[in-house]
C-alpha cells in the first residue's frame, strides 16, 4: 500500500511539473503574440482559438465559423478585422483558397512567432480597411 501511495505521489508531482512548464511556455508564447498586435484592434483567429484566452480582454476577436460560411459573409468578417492570426489553418475545407487569396491582396506586414514547445502562430497585419481589395470569388 505504501509503495502504491509513493508511486501515485511521484506520478502526480511529475504531471504537475510538466503542466507548469507547458503553462509557462504558453503564457510566454501568448505574450510574444500580444506584443505584435495593437491593443483595441480586431483580430480574426483562424480555426484553432488557442489564443482566444490570452487576447480576449484587450481585443475584439472573431473566430472561424463552425459551419461553412457564405463567401460574402466570410469576406465581411475578414474586412472588419485588422489582423489575422493563424496557428492552424483548416479553412481550405470550407472556403478553399479564399483566405490565402485575401491575405495575398491585403497583407501589410507578417510576423511569425514560435516556441520550442511547438506553439506557433502567423500574424498578418492587414492594410487599412479603406484600402482593402476583395479577391475574385
C-alpha atoms as a PDB file:
ATOM      1  CA  UNK A   1       0.000   0.000   0.000  1.00  0.00           C
ATOM      2  CA  UNK A   2       2.858   2.353   0.862  1.00  0.00           C
ATOM      3  CA  UNK A   3       4.559   1.612  -2.493  1.00  0.00           C
ATOM      4  CA  UNK A   4       1.331   2.345  -4.348  1.00  0.00           C
ATOM      5  CA  UNK A   5       0.924   5.627  -2.484  1.00  0.00           C
ATOM      6  CA  UNK A   6       4.519   6.695  -3.218  1.00  0.00           C
ATOM      7  CA  UNK A   7       4.191   5.839  -6.914  1.00  0.00           C
ATOM      8  CA  UNK A   8       0.998   7.890  -7.151  1.00  0.00           C
ATOM      9  CA  UNK A   9       2.649  10.845  -5.434  1.00  0.00           C
ATOM     10  CA  UNK A  10       5.602  10.640  -7.831  1.00  0.00           C
ATOM     11  CA  UNK A  11       3.313  10.494 -10.887  1.00  0.00           C
ATOM     12  CA  UNK A  12       1.308  13.457  -9.576  1.00  0.00           C
ATOM     13  CA  UNK A  13       4.429  15.552  -8.981  1.00  0.00           C
ATOM     14  CA  UNK A  14       5.795  14.715 -12.441  1.00  0.00           C
ATOM     15  CA  UNK A  15       2.472  15.658 -14.068  1.00  0.00           C
ATOM     16  CA  UNK A  16       2.319  18.879 -12.082  1.00  0.00           C
ATOM     17  CA  UNK A  17       5.855  19.870 -13.145  1.00  0.00           C
ATOM     18  CA  UNK A  18       5.121  19.084 -16.806  1.00  0.00           C
ATOM     19  CA  UNK A  19       1.946  21.175 -16.647  1.00  0.00           C
ATOM     20  CA  UNK A  20       3.830  24.091 -15.060  1.00  0.00           C
ATOM     21  CA  UNK A  21       6.495  24.014 -17.787  1.00  0.00           C
ATOM     22  CA  UNK A  22       3.956  23.928 -20.619  1.00  0.00           C
ATOM     23  CA  UNK A  23       1.722  26.527 -18.965  1.00  0.00           C
ATOM     24  CA  UNK A  24       4.631  28.945 -18.731  1.00  0.00           C
ATOM     25  CA  UNK A  25       5.582  28.295 -22.367  1.00  0.00           C
ATOM     26  CA  UNK A  26       2.005  29.013 -23.483  1.00  0.00           C
ATOM     27  CA  UNK A  27       1.941  32.230 -21.480  1.00  0.00           C
ATOM     28  CA  UNK A  28       5.303  33.353 -22.928  1.00  0.00           C
ATOM     29  CA  UNK A  29       4.080  32.464 -26.424  1.00  0.00           C
ATOM     30  CA  UNK A  30       0.902  34.473 -25.849  1.00  0.00           C
ATOM     31  CA  UNK A  31       2.910  37.456 -24.646  1.00  0.00           C
ATOM     32  CA  UNK A  32       5.005  37.392 -27.831  1.00  0.00           C
ATOM     33  CA  UNK A  33       1.851  37.361 -29.961  1.00  0.00           C
ATOM     34  CA  UNK A  34       0.297  40.089 -27.830  1.00  0.00           C
ATOM     35  CA  UNK A  35       3.365  42.299 -28.304  1.00  0.00           C
ATOM     36  CA  UNK A  36       2.922  42.208 -32.097  1.00  0.00           C
ATOM     37  CA  UNK A  37      -0.732  43.296 -32.040  1.00  0.00           C
ATOM     38  CA  UNK A  38      -2.016  46.721 -31.059  1.00  0.00           C
ATOM     39  CA  UNK A  39      -4.484  46.784 -28.196  1.00  0.00           C
ATOM     40  CA  UNK A  40      -8.077  47.501 -29.208  1.00  0.00           C
ATOM     41  CA  UNK A  41      -7.702  46.144 -32.742  1.00  0.00           C
ATOM     42  CA  UNK A  42      -9.979  43.452 -34.168  1.00  0.00           C
ATOM     43  CA  UNK A  43      -8.394  40.059 -34.691  1.00  0.00           C
ATOM     44  CA  UNK A  44      -9.607  37.173 -36.811  1.00  0.00           C
ATOM     45  CA  UNK A  45      -8.445  33.874 -35.248  1.00  0.00           C
ATOM     46  CA  UNK A  46      -8.100  31.198 -37.881  1.00  0.00           C
ATOM     47  CA  UNK A  47      -9.621  27.838 -36.925  1.00  0.00           C
ATOM     48  CA  UNK A  48      -7.992  26.999 -33.608  1.00  0.00           C
ATOM     49  CA  UNK A  49      -8.903  29.509 -30.887  1.00  0.00           C
ATOM     50  CA  UNK A  50      -5.835  28.818 -28.708  1.00  0.00           C
ATOM     51  CA  UNK A  51      -5.021  32.493 -28.418  1.00  0.00           C
ATOM     52  CA  UNK A  52      -8.595  33.437 -27.572  1.00  0.00           C
ATOM     53  CA  UNK A  53      -7.954  33.132 -23.845  1.00  0.00           C
ATOM     54  CA  UNK A  54      -4.842  35.303 -23.992  1.00  0.00           C
ATOM     55  CA  UNK A  55      -6.232  38.062 -26.216  1.00  0.00           C
ATOM     56  CA  UNK A  56      -9.902  38.233 -25.219  1.00  0.00           C
ATOM     57  CA  UNK A  57      -9.548  41.027 -22.679  1.00  0.00           C
ATOM     58  CA  UNK A  58      -7.698  43.516 -24.861  1.00  0.00           C
ATOM     59  CA  UNK A  59      -9.010  42.988 -28.407  1.00  0.00           C
ATOM     60  CA  UNK A  60     -12.206  42.271 -30.313  1.00  0.00           C
ATOM     61  CA  UNK A  61     -11.965  38.701 -31.560  1.00  0.00           C
ATOM     62  CA  UNK A  62     -13.587  36.826 -34.427  1.00  0.00           C
ATOM     63  CA  UNK A  63     -13.199  33.096 -34.858  1.00  0.00           C
ATOM     64  CA  UNK A  64     -13.631  30.896 -37.883  1.00  0.00           C
ATOM     65  CA  UNK A  65     -17.285  29.769 -38.033  1.00  0.00           C
ATOM     66  CA  UNK A  66     -18.019  26.185 -37.005  1.00  0.00           C
ATOM     67  CA  UNK A  67     -20.142  25.698 -40.119  1.00  0.00           C
ATOM     68  CA  UNK A  68     -19.363  26.539 -43.726  1.00  0.00           C
ATOM     69  CA  UNK A  69     -19.829  30.290 -44.098  1.00  0.00           C
ATOM     70  CA  UNK A  70     -21.298  32.090 -47.072  1.00  0.00           C
ATOM     71  CA  UNK A  71     -18.417  33.653 -49.008  1.00  0.00           C
ATOM     72  CA  UNK A  72     -19.841  37.179 -48.816  1.00  0.00           C
ATOM     73  CA  UNK A  73     -20.258  36.965 -45.032  1.00  0.00           C
ATOM     74  CA  UNK A  74     -16.789  35.476 -44.672  1.00  0.00           C
ATOM     75  CA  UNK A  75     -15.289  38.359 -46.667  1.00  0.00           C
ATOM     76  CA  UNK A  76     -17.204  40.820 -44.444  1.00  0.00           C
ATOM     77  CA  UNK A  77     -15.693  39.149 -41.368  1.00  0.00           C
ATOM     78  CA  UNK A  78     -12.198  39.500 -42.824  1.00  0.00           C
ATOM     79  CA  UNK A  79     -12.861  43.091 -43.951  1.00  0.00           C
ATOM     80  CA  UNK A  80     -13.826  44.015 -40.393  1.00  0.00           C
ATOM     81  CA  UNK A  81     -10.558  42.599 -38.966  1.00  0.00           C
ATOM     82  CA  UNK A  82      -7.269  44.439 -38.505  1.00  0.00           C
ATOM     83  CA  UNK A  83      -5.170  41.296 -38.007  1.00  0.00           C
ATOM     84  CA  UNK A  84      -5.432  37.645 -38.956  1.00  0.00           C
ATOM     85  CA  UNK A  85      -3.770  35.157 -36.615  1.00  0.00           C
ATOM     86  CA  UNK A  86      -3.216  31.673 -37.987  1.00  0.00           C
ATOM     87  CA  UNK A  87      -1.995  28.912 -35.718  1.00  0.00           C
ATOM     88  CA  UNK A  88      -3.672  26.058 -37.546  1.00  0.00           C
ATOM     89  CA  UNK A  89      -5.319  26.541 -40.910  1.00  0.00           C
ATOM     90  CA  UNK A  90      -8.344  24.386 -41.808  1.00  0.00           C
ATOM     91  CA  UNK A  91     -10.289  26.969 -43.785  1.00  0.00           C
ATOM     92  CA  UNK A  92      -9.362  25.167 -47.013  1.00  0.00           C
ATOM     93  CA  UNK A  93     -12.016  22.590 -46.136  1.00  0.00           C
ATOM     94  CA  UNK A  94     -14.773  25.217 -46.161  1.00  0.00           C
ATOM     95  CA  UNK A  95     -13.650  28.157 -48.284  1.00  0.00           C
ATOM     96  CA  UNK A  96     -10.856  26.741 -50.438  1.00  0.00           C
ATOM     97  CA  UNK A  97      -8.077  29.229 -51.075  1.00  0.00           C
ATOM     98  CA  UNK A  98     -10.191  32.300 -50.281  1.00  0.00           C
ATOM     99  CA  UNK A  99      -8.283  33.180 -47.091  1.00  0.00           C
ATOM    100  CA  UNK A 100      -4.932  32.765 -48.842  1.00  0.00           C
ATOM    101  CA  UNK A 101      -6.064  34.992 -51.722  1.00  0.00           C
ATOM    102  CA  UNK A 102      -7.481  37.575 -49.287  1.00  0.00           C
ATOM    103  CA  UNK A 103      -4.189  37.735 -47.422  1.00  0.00           C
ATOM    104  CA  UNK A 104      -2.231  37.952 -50.674  1.00  0.00           C
ATOM    105  CA  UNK A 105      -4.016  41.150 -51.767  1.00  0.00           C
ATOM    106  CA  UNK A 106      -4.487  42.756 -48.321  1.00  0.00           C
ATOM    107  CA  UNK A 107      -1.349  41.974 -46.315  1.00  0.00           C
ATOM    108  CA  UNK A 108       0.561  44.912 -44.909  1.00  0.00           C
ATOM    109  CA  UNK A 109       3.033  43.024 -42.672  1.00  0.00           C
ATOM    110  CA  UNK A 110       3.575  39.482 -41.490  1.00  0.00           C
ATOM    111  CA  UNK A 111       5.101  38.180 -38.264  1.00  0.00           C
ATOM    112  CA  UNK A 112       5.887  34.655 -37.114  1.00  0.00           C
ATOM    113  CA  UNK A 113       6.025  33.572 -33.501  1.00  0.00           C
ATOM    114  CA  UNK A 114       7.126  30.109 -32.438  1.00  0.00           C
ATOM    115  CA  UNK A 115       8.494  28.350 -29.373  1.00  0.00           C
ATOM    116  CA  UNK A 116      10.448  25.199 -28.680  1.00  0.00           C
ATOM    117  CA  UNK A 117       7.240  23.650 -27.289  1.00  0.00           C
ATOM    118  CA  UNK A 118       5.550  23.671 -30.703  1.00  0.00           C
ATOM    119  CA  UNK A 119       3.394  26.737 -30.120  1.00  0.00           C
ATOM    120  CA  UNK A 120       3.390  28.788 -33.290  1.00  0.00           C
ATOM    121  CA  UNK A 121       1.377  31.483 -34.976  1.00  0.00           C
ATOM    122  CA  UNK A 122       1.490  33.539 -38.122  1.00  0.00           C
ATOM    123  CA  UNK A 123       0.276  37.099 -37.584  1.00  0.00           C
ATOM    124  CA  UNK A 124      -0.905  39.038 -40.626  1.00  0.00           C
ATOM    125  CA  UNK A 125      -1.396  42.760 -40.228  1.00  0.00           C
ATOM    126  CA  UNK A 126      -3.842  43.896 -42.898  1.00  0.00           C
ATOM    127  CA  UNK A 127      -3.803  47.134 -44.867  1.00  0.00           C
ATOM    128  CA  UNK A 128      -6.214  49.825 -43.607  1.00  0.00           C
ATOM    129  CA  UNK A 129      -9.865  48.930 -44.150  1.00  0.00           C
ATOM    130  CA  UNK A 130     -10.418  51.680 -46.729  1.00  0.00           C
ATOM    131  CA  UNK A 131      -7.674  50.198 -48.956  1.00  0.00           C
ATOM    132  CA  UNK A 132      -8.848  46.572 -48.928  1.00  0.00           C
ATOM    133  CA  UNK A 133      -9.413  44.583 -52.081  1.00  0.00           C
ATOM    134  CA  UNK A 134     -11.792  41.667 -52.463  1.00  0.00           C
ATOM    135  CA  UNK A 135     -10.218  38.686 -54.243  1.00  0.00           C
ATOM    136  CA  UNK A 136     -12.134  37.198 -57.137  1.00  0.00           C
ATOM    137  CA  UNK A 137     -14.658  34.688 -55.844  1.00  0.00           C
END
